[in-house]
Amino acid sequence: PTTTQPPTTAEPTTQAPATLVIEVTDFENNVVATITEKVEAGTEITREYLVSLVSSKGYEAMAGVYGDAIGKVAESGQTYSFTAEL
């Protein structure tokens, strides 16, 4: 059976996704992982969202997640960089 996507009232789906790059660092600032995640343009980049992404990859961002784009809305085709501290 074919599944149909519900219609969206947001921007057209021709937009390229945005890319989130999260460097996971330990308490000595060593990079232990780099998480690259594609997100829909228009996704609000919240601290909670980033922490949940990091958690979904098996890391606990105990000290938080940092980056200039927190609180912004992802724009089509853009790449945003963050640091998550364990």
PDB file of N, CA and C in Angstrom:
ATOM      1  N   PRO A   1       0.839  -1.213   0.000  1.00  0.00           N
ATOM      2  CA  PRO A   1       0.000   0.000   0.000  1.00  0.00           C
ATOM      3  C   PRO A   1       0.870   1.258   0.000  1.00  0.00           C
ATOM      4  N   THR A   2       0.389   2.281  -0.669  1.00  0.00           N
ATOM      5  CA  THR A   2       1.160   3.520  -0.699  1.00  0.00           C
ATOM      6  C   THR A   2       0.747   4.387   0.474  1.00  0.00           C
ATOM      7  N   THR A   3       1.719   5.056   1.048  1.00  0.00           N
ATOM      8  CA  THR A   3       1.410   5.964   2.158  1.00  0.00           C
ATOM      9  C   THR A   3       1.464   7.380   1.623  1.00  0.00           C
ATOM     10  N   THR A   4       0.491   8.163   1.989  1.00  0.00           N
ATOM     11  CA  THR A   4       0.477   9.555   1.532  1.00  0.00           C
ATOM     12  C   THR A   4       0.874  10.451   2.687  1.00  0.00           C
ATOM     13  N   GLN A   5       1.688  11.417   2.358  1.00  0.00           N
ATOM     14  CA  GLN A   5       2.106  12.390   3.376  1.00  0.00           C
ATOM     15  C   GLN A   5       0.988  13.405   3.560  1.00  0.00           C
ATOM     16  N   PRO A   6       0.715  13.789   4.803  1.00  0.00           N
ATOM     17  CA  PRO A   6      -0.302  14.826   4.995  1.00  0.00           C
ATOM     18  C   PRO A   6       0.173  16.143   4.380  1.00  0.00           C
ATOM     19  N   PRO A   7      -0.735  16.920   3.819  1.00  0.00           N
ATOM     20  CA  PRO A   7      -0.301  18.192   3.229  1.00  0.00           C
ATOM     21  C   PRO A   7       0.229  19.133   4.311  1.00  0.00           C
ATOM     22  N   THR A   8       1.225  19.894   3.949  1.00  0.00           N
ATOM     23  CA  THR A   8       1.770  20.852   4.915  1.00  0.00           C
ATOM     24  C   THR A   8       1.485  22.261   4.416  1.00  0.00           C
ATOM     25  N   THR A   9       1.289  23.160   5.352  1.00  0.00           N
ATOM     26  CA  THR A   9       1.056  24.553   4.982  1.00  0.00           C
ATOM     27  C   THR A   9       2.358  25.352   5.072  1.00  0.00           C
ATOM     28  N   ALA A  10       3.449  24.663   5.384  1.00  0.00           N
ATOM     29  CA  ALA A  10       4.737  25.337   5.506  1.00  0.00           C
ATOM     30  C   ALA A  10       5.330  25.583   4.121  1.00  0.00           C
ATOM     31  N   GLU A  11       6.612  25.916   4.091  1.00  0.00           N
ATOM     32  CA  GLU A  11       7.282  26.188   2.825  1.00  0.00           C
ATOM     33  C   GLU A  11       7.259  24.946   1.943  1.00  0.00           C
ATOM     34  N   PRO A  12       7.413  25.134   0.652  1.00  0.00           N
ATOM     35  CA  PRO A  12       7.430  23.967  -0.247  1.00  0.00           C
ATOM     36  C   PRO A  12       8.576  23.018   0.089  1.00  0.00           C
ATOM     37  N   THR A  13       8.372  21.752  -0.221  1.00  0.00           N
ATOM     38  CA  THR A  13       9.358  20.741   0.146  1.00  0.00           C
ATOM     39  C   THR A  13      10.570  20.757  -0.776  1.00  0.00           C
ATOM     40  N   THR A  14      10.612  21.691  -1.725  1.00  0.00           N
ATOM     41  CA  THR A  14      11.776  21.771  -2.600  1.00  0.00           C
ATOM     42  C   THR A  14      12.974  22.360  -1.868  1.00  0.00           C
ATOM     43  N   GLN A  15      12.768  22.875  -0.668  1.00  0.00           N
ATOM     44  CA  GLN A  15      13.891  23.450   0.070  1.00  0.00           C
ATOM     45  C   GLN A  15      14.869  22.362   0.492  1.00  0.00           C
ATOM     46  N   ALA A  16      16.136  22.692   0.417  1.00  0.00           N
ATOM     47  CA  ALA A  16      17.150  21.765   0.893  1.00  0.00           C
ATOM     48  C   ALA A  16      17.094  21.734   2.416  1.00  0.00           C
ATOM     49  N   PRO A  17      17.380  20.574   3.007  1.00  0.00           N
ATOM     50  CA  PRO A  17      17.425  20.547   4.463  1.00  0.00           C
ATOM     51  C   PRO A  17      18.622  21.337   4.976  1.00  0.00           C
ATOM     52  N   ALA A  18      18.558  21.711   6.230  1.00  0.00           N
ATOM     53  CA  ALA A  18      19.713  22.315   6.887  1.00  0.00           C
ATOM     54  C   ALA A  18      20.513  21.192   7.530  1.00  0.00           C
ATOM     55  N   THR A  19      21.782  21.458   7.818  1.00  0.00           N
ATOM     56  CA  THR A  19      22.649  20.461   8.438  1.00  0.00           C
ATOM     57  C   THR A  19      23.092  20.964   9.802  1.00  0.00           C
ATOM     58  N   LEU A  20      22.927  20.115  10.810  1.00  0.00           N
ATOM     59  CA  LEU A  20      23.441  20.425  12.143  1.00  0.00           C
ATOM     60  C   LEU A  20      24.670  19.561  12.362  1.00  0.00           C
ATOM     61  N   VAL A  21      25.764  20.198  12.759  1.00  0.00           N
ATOM     62  CA  VAL A  21      26.988  19.460  13.070  1.00  0.00           C
ATOM     63  C   VAL A  21      27.274  19.697  14.543  1.00  0.00           C
ATOM     64  N   ILE A  22      27.237  18.618  15.323  1.00  0.00           N
ATOM     65  CA  ILE A  22      27.439  18.739  16.773  1.00  0.00           C
ATOM     66  C   ILE A  22      28.710  17.993  17.142  1.00  0.00           C
ATOM     67  N   GLU A  23      29.686  18.732  17.659  1.00  0.00           N
ATOM     68  CA  GLU A  23      30.902  18.085  18.151  1.00  0.00           C
ATOM     69  C   GLU A  23      30.677  17.748  19.611  1.00  0.00           C
ATOM     70  N   VAL A  24      30.802  16.476  19.935  1.00  0.00           N
ATOM     71  CA  VAL A  24      30.627  16.015  21.310  1.00  0.00           C
ATOM     72  C   VAL A  24      32.011  15.976  21.948  1.00  0.00           C
ATOM     73  N   THR A  25      32.184  16.726  23.035  1.00  0.00           N
ATOM     74  CA  THR A  25      33.493  16.787  23.691  1.00  0.00           C
ATOM     75  C   THR A  25      33.389  16.277  25.126  1.00  0.00           C
ATOM     76  N   ASP A  26      34.494  15.725  25.618  1.00  0.00           N
ATOM     77  CA  ASP A  26      34.520  15.284  27.008  1.00  0.00           C
ATOM     78  C   ASP A  26      34.994  16.435  27.894  1.00  0.00           C
ATOM     79  N   PHE A  27      35.145  16.181  29.175  1.00  0.00           N
ATOM     80  CA  PHE A  27      35.477  17.254  30.119  1.00  0.00           C
ATOM     81  C   PHE A  27      36.866  17.818  29.912  1.00  0.00           C
ATOM     82  N   GLU A  28      37.686  17.164  29.111  1.00  0.00           N
ATOM     83  CA  GLU A  28      39.015  17.701  28.787  1.00  0.00           C
ATOM     84  C   GLU A  28      39.022  18.339  27.403  1.00  0.00           C
ATOM     85  N   ASN A  29      37.819  18.565  26.860  1.00  0.00           N
ATOM     86  CA  ASN A  29      37.642  19.189  25.545  1.00  0.00           C
ATOM     87  C   ASN A  29      38.180  18.352  24.398  1.00  0.00           C
ATOM     88  N   ASN A  30      38.291  17.046  24.599  1.00  0.00           N
ATOM     89  CA  ASN A  30      38.637  16.156  23.500  1.00  0.00           C
ATOM     90  C   ASN A  30      37.356  15.827  22.747  1.00  0.00           C
ATOM     91  N   VAL A  31      37.409  15.904  21.426  1.00  0.00           N
ATOM     92  CA  VAL A  31      36.230  15.558  20.629  1.00  0.00           C
ATOM     93  C   VAL A  31      36.101  14.040  20.605  1.00  0.00           C
ATOM     94  N   VAL A  32      34.980  13.535  21.117  1.00  0.00           N
ATOM     95  CA  VAL A  32      34.767  12.091  21.142  1.00  0.00           C
ATOM     96  C   VAL A  32      33.832  11.633  20.028  1.00  0.00           C
ATOM     97  N   ALA A  33      33.081  12.557  19.452  1.00  0.00           N
ATOM     98  CA  ALA A  33      32.181  12.195  18.362  1.00  0.00           C
ATOM     99  C   ALA A  33      31.765  13.452  17.621  1.00  0.00           C
ATOM    100  N   THR A  34      31.436  13.284  16.358  1.00  0.00           N
ATOM    101  CA  THR A  34      30.832  14.362  15.592  1.00  0.00           C
ATOM    102  C   THR A  34      29.519  13.839  15.045  1.00  0.00           C
ATOM    103  N   ILE A  35      28.434  14.495  15.407  1.00  0.00           N
ATOM    104  CA  ILE A  35      27.100  14.093  14.976  1.00  0.00           C
ATOM    105  C   ILE A  35      26.670  15.050  13.869  1.00  0.00           C
ATOM    106  N   THR A  36      26.315  14.488  12.726  1.00  0.00           N
ATOM    107  CA  THR A  36      25.819  15.309  11.621  1.00  0.00           C
ATOM    108  C   THR A  36      24.380  14.903  11.364  1.00  0.00           C
ATOM    109  N   GLU A  37      23.488  15.856  11.418  1.00  0.00           N
ATOM    110  CA  GLU A  37      22.069  15.562  11.309  1.00  0.00           C
ATOM    111  C   GLU A  37      21.426  16.523  10.320  1.00  0.00           C
ATOM    112  N   LYS A  38      20.649  15.982   9.396  1.00  0.00           N
ATOM    113  CA  LYS A  38      19.886  16.831   8.466  1.00  0.00           C
ATOM    114  C   LYS A  38      18.544  17.151   9.122  1.00  0.00           C
ATOM    115  N   VAL A  39      18.140  18.402   9.050  1.00  0.00           N
ATOM    116  CA  VAL A  39      16.833  18.786   9.588  1.00  0.00           C
ATOM    117  C   VAL A  39      16.080  19.585   8.535  1.00  0.00           C
ATOM    118  N   GLU A  40      14.786  19.534   8.626  1.00  0.00           N
ATOM    119  CA  GLU A  40      13.950  20.296   7.709  1.00  0.00           C
ATOM    120  C   GLU A  40      14.208  21.786   7.885  1.00  0.00           C
ATOM    121  N   ALA A  41      14.226  22.516   6.783  1.00  0.00           N
ATOM    122  CA  ALA A  41      14.261  23.975   6.881  1.00  0.00           C
ATOM    123  C   ALA A  41      13.008  24.402   7.641  1.00  0.00           C
ATOM    124  N   GLY A  42      13.179  25.357   8.535  1.00  0.00           N
ATOM    125  CA  GLY A  42      12.049  25.805   9.339  1.00  0.00           C
ATOM    126  C   GLY A  42      12.019  25.186  10.727  1.00  0.00           C
ATOM    127  N   THR A  43      12.894  24.208  10.979  1.00  0.00           N
ATOM    128  CA  THR A  43      12.983  23.597  12.305  1.00  0.00           C
ATOM    129  C   THR A  43      13.588  24.597  13.274  1.00  0.00           C
ATOM    130  N   GLU A  44      12.947  24.782  14.413  1.00  0.00           N
ATOM    131  CA  GLU A  44      13.530  25.667  15.424  1.00  0.00           C
ATOM    132  C   GLU A  44      14.619  24.906  16.159  1.00  0.00           C
ATOM    133  N   ILE A  45      15.788  25.526  16.247  1.00  0.00           N
ATOM    134  CA  ILE A  45      16.935  24.869  16.873  1.00  0.00           C
ATOM    135  C   ILE A  45      16.961  25.282  18.337  1.00  0.00           C
ATOM    136  N   THR A  46      16.426  24.420  19.188  1.00  0.00           N
ATOM    137  CA  THR A  46      16.423  24.720  20.624  1.00  0.00           C
ATOM    138  C   THR A  46      17.490  23.881  21.315  1.00  0.00           C
ATOM    139  N   ARG A  47      17.878  24.319  22.492  1.00  0.00           N
ATOM    140  CA  ARG A  47      18.853  23.569  23.279  1.00  0.00           C
ATOM    141  C   ARG A  47      18.304  22.166  23.570  1.00  0.00           C
ATOM    142  N   GLU A  48      17.007  22.089  23.896  1.00  0.00           N
ATOM    143  CA  GLU A  48      16.391  20.794  24.206  1.00  0.00           C
ATOM    144  C   GLU A  48      16.455  19.861  22.995  1.00  0.00           C
ATOM    145  N   TYR A  49      16.210  20.418  21.824  1.00  0.00           N
ATOM    146  CA  TYR A  49      16.238  19.624  20.591  1.00  0.00           C
ATOM    147  C   TYR A  49      17.639  19.051  20.368  1.00  0.00           C
ATOM    148  N   LEU A  50      18.653  19.893  20.547  1.00  0.00           N
ATOM    149  CA  LEU A  50      20.038  19.446  20.345  1.00  0.00           C
ATOM    150  C   LEU A  50      20.430  18.400  21.381  1.00  0.00           C
ATOM    151  N   VAL A  51      20.021  18.616  22.642  1.00  0.00           N
ATOM    152  CA  VAL A  51      20.340  17.644  23.690  1.00  0.00           C
ATOM    153  C   VAL A  51      19.681  16.301  23.368  1.00  0.00           C
ATOM    154  N   SER A  52      18.445  16.337  22.850  1.00  0.00           N
ATOM    155  CA  SER A  52      17.774  15.082  22.518  1.00  0.00           C
ATOM    156  C   SER A  52      18.461  14.387  21.337  1.00  0.00           C
ATOM    157  N   LEU A  53      18.970  15.164  20.381  1.00  0.00           N
ATOM    158  CA  LEU A  53      19.728  14.568  19.272  1.00  0.00           C
ATOM    159  C   LEU A  53      20.977  13.867  19.791  1.00  0.00           C
ATOM    160  N   VAL A  54      21.698  14.545  20.687  1.00  0.00           N
ATOM    161  CA  VAL A  54      22.918  13.973  21.251  1.00  0.00           C
ATOM    162  C   VAL A  54      22.569  12.708  22.037  1.00  0.00           C
ATOM    163  N   SER A  55      21.495  12.773  22.827  1.00  0.00           N
ATOM    164  CA  SER A  55      21.076  11.613  23.625  1.00  0.00           C
ATOM    165  C   SER A  55      20.701  10.437  22.742  1.00  0.00           C
ATOM    166  N   SER A  56      20.064  10.739  21.590  1.00  0.00           N
ATOM    167  CA  SER A  56      19.628   9.663  20.694  1.00  0.00           C
ATOM    168  C   SER A  56      20.820   8.921  20.106  1.00  0.00           C
ATOM    169  N   LYS A  57      22.005   9.528  20.150  1.00  0.00           N
ATOM    170  CA  LYS A  57      23.216   8.874  19.647  1.00  0.00           C
ATOM    171  C   LYS A  57      23.990   8.201  20.777  1.00  0.00           C
ATOM    172  N   GLY A  58      23.433   8.219  21.992  1.00  0.00           N
ATOM    173  CA  GLY A  58      24.056   7.501  23.103  1.00  0.00           C
ATOM    174  C   GLY A  58      24.973   8.331  23.974  1.00  0.00           C
ATOM    175  N   TYR A  59      24.917   9.660  23.852  1.00  0.00           N
ATOM    176  CA  TYR A  59      25.772  10.519  24.673  1.00  0.00           C
ATOM    177  C   TYR A  59      24.904  11.346  25.609  1.00  0.00           C
ATOM    178  N   GLU A  60      25.444  11.640  26.781  1.00  0.00           N
ATOM    179  CA  GLU A  60      24.726  12.493  27.727  1.00  0.00           C
ATOM    180  C   GLU A  60      25.396  13.858  27.741  1.00  0.00           C
ATOM    181  N   ALA A  61      24.710  14.856  27.237  1.00  0.00           N
ATOM    182  CA  ALA A  61      25.279  16.211  27.206  1.00  0.00           C
ATOM    183  C   ALA A  61      25.038  16.870  28.562  1.00  0.00           C
ATOM    184  N   MET A  62      25.803  16.428  29.556  1.00  0.00           N
ATOM    185  CA  MET A  62      25.591  16.881  30.928  1.00  0.00           C
ATOM    186  C   MET A  62      25.848  18.375  31.102  1.00  0.00           C
ATOM    187  N   ALA A  63      26.879  18.892  30.425  1.00  0.00           N
ATOM    188  CA  ALA A  63      27.251  20.295  30.621  1.00  0.00           C
ATOM    189  C   ALA A  63      26.530  21.214  29.640  1.00  0.00           C
ATOM    190  N   GLY A  64      25.713  20.635  28.762  1.00  0.00           N
ATOM    191  CA  GLY A  64      24.945  21.478  27.863  1.00  0.00           C
ATOM    192  C   GLY A  64      25.459  21.460  26.446  1.00  0.00           C
ATOM    193  N   VAL A  65      24.746  22.210  25.627  1.00  0.00           N
ATOM    194  CA  VAL A  65      25.064  22.321  24.206  1.00  0.00           C
ATOM    195  C   VAL A  65      25.196  23.800  23.889  1.00  0.00           C
ATOM    196  N   TYR A  66      26.218  24.152  23.125  1.00  0.00           N
ATOM    197  CA  TYR A  66      26.497  25.547  22.823  1.00  0.00           C
ATOM    198  C   TYR A  66      26.588  25.756  21.323  1.00  0.00           C
ATOM    199  N   GLY A  67      26.217  26.939  20.889  1.00  0.00           N
ATOM    200  CA  GLY A  67      26.356  27.287  19.475  1.00  0.00           C
ATOM    201  C   GLY A  67      25.605  28.562  19.171  1.00  0.00           C
ATOM    202  N   ASP A  68      26.082  29.296  18.176  1.00  0.00           N
ATOM    203  CA  ASP A  68      25.500  30.592  17.840  1.00  0.00           C
ATOM    204  C   ASP A  68      24.060  30.492  17.358  1.00  0.00           C
ATOM    205  N   ALA A  69      23.702  29.334  16.788  1.00  0.00           N
ATOM    206  CA  ALA A  69      22.398  29.237  16.137  1.00  0.00           C
ATOM    207  C   ALA A  69      21.290  28.752  17.063  1.00  0.00           C
ATOM    208  N   ILE A  70      21.584  28.519  18.341  1.00  0.00           N
ATOM    209  CA  ILE A  70      20.529  28.076  19.252  1.00  0.00           C
ATOM    210  C   ILE A  70      19.469  29.162  19.341  1.00  0.00           C
ATOM    211  N   GLY A  71      18.226  28.750  19.183  1.00  0.00           N
ATOM    212  CA  GLY A  71      17.119  29.701  19.208  1.00  0.00           C
ATOM    213  C   GLY A  71      16.730  30.201  17.828  1.00  0.00           C
ATOM    214  N   LYS A  72      17.525  29.893  16.820  1.00  0.00           N
ATOM    215  CA  LYS A  72      17.195  30.319  15.463  1.00  0.00           C
ATOM    216  C   LYS A  72      16.357  29.251  14.768  1.00  0.00           C
ATOM    217  N   VAL A  73      15.840  29.600  13.624  1.00  0.00           N
ATOM    218  CA  VAL A  73      15.105  28.647  12.792  1.00  0.00           C
ATOM    219  C   VAL A  73      16.038  28.233  11.655  1.00  0.00           C
ATOM    220  N   ALA A  74      16.157  26.933  11.447  1.00  0.00           N
ATOM    221  CA  ALA A  74      17.066  26.415  10.418  1.00  0.00           C
ATOM    222  C   ALA A  74      16.653  26.926   9.045  1.00  0.00           C
ATOM    223  N   GLU A  75      17.613  27.429   8.311  1.00  0.00           N
ATOM    224  CA  GLU A  75      17.352  27.910   6.959  1.00  0.00           C
ATOM    225  C   GLU A  75      17.819  26.884   5.946  1.00  0.00           C
ATOM    226  N   SER A  76      17.130  26.840   4.840  1.00  0.00           N
ATOM    227  CA  SER A  76      17.399  25.875   3.779  1.00  0.00           C
ATOM    228  C   SER A  76      18.864  25.901   3.353  1.00  0.00           C
ATOM    229  N   GLY A  77      19.486  24.729   3.345  1.00  0.00           N
ATOM    230  CA  GLY A  77      20.842  24.595   2.834  1.00  0.00           C
ATOM    231  C   GLY A  77      21.948  25.073   3.746  1.00  0.00           C
ATOM    232  N   GLN A  78      21.607  25.598   4.918  1.00  0.00           N
ATOM    233  CA  GLN A  78      22.639  26.117   5.816  1.00  0.00           C
ATOM    234  C   GLN A  78      23.207  25.006   6.689  1.00  0.00           C
ATOM    235  N   THR A  79      24.434  25.220   7.155  1.00  0.00           N
ATOM    236  CA  THR A  79      25.063  24.301   8.104  1.00  0.00           C
ATOM    237  C   THR A  79      25.304  25.060   9.395  1.00  0.00           C
ATOM    238  N   TYR A  80      24.920  24.468  10.505  1.00  0.00           N
ATOM    239  CA  TYR A  80      25.076  25.085  11.815  1.00  0.00           C
ATOM    240  C   TYR A  80      25.947  24.184  12.670  1.00  0.00           C
ATOM    241  N   SER A  81      26.885  24.798  13.381  1.00  0.00           N
ATOM    242  CA  SER A  81      27.813  24.021  14.204  1.00  0.00           C
ATOM    243  C   SER A  81      27.565  24.267  15.681  1.00  0.00           C
ATOM    244  N   PHE A  82      27.667  23.184  16.455  1.00  0.00           N
ATOM    245  CA  PHE A  82      27.434  23.253  17.891  1.00  0.00           C
ATOM    246  C   PHE A  82      28.474  22.415  18.597  1.00  0.00           C
ATOM    247  N   THR A  83      28.610  22.650  19.893  1.00  0.00           N
ATOM    248  CA  THR A  83      29.447  21.828  20.747  1.00  0.00           C
ATOM    249  C   THR A  83      28.578  21.309  21.880  1.00  0.00           C
ATOM    250  N   ALA A  84      28.640  20.004  22.122  1.00  0.00           N
ATOM    251  CA  ALA A  84      27.947  19.392  23.254  1.00  0.00           C
ATOM    252  C   ALA A  84      29.021  18.908  24.212  1.00  0.00           C
ATOM    253  N   GLU A  85      28.889  19.286  25.482  1.00  0.00           N
ATOM    254  CA  GLU A  85      29.864  18.866  26.476  1.00  0.00           C
ATOM    255  C   GLU A  85      29.280  17.756  27.323  1.00  0.00           C
ATOM    256  N   LEU A  86      30.030  16.676  27.480  1.00  0.00           N
ATOM    257  CA  LEU A  86      29.575  15.541  28.280  1.00  0.00           C
ATOM    258  C   LEU A  86      29.772  15.822  29.759  1.00  0.00           C
TER     259      LEU A  86
END
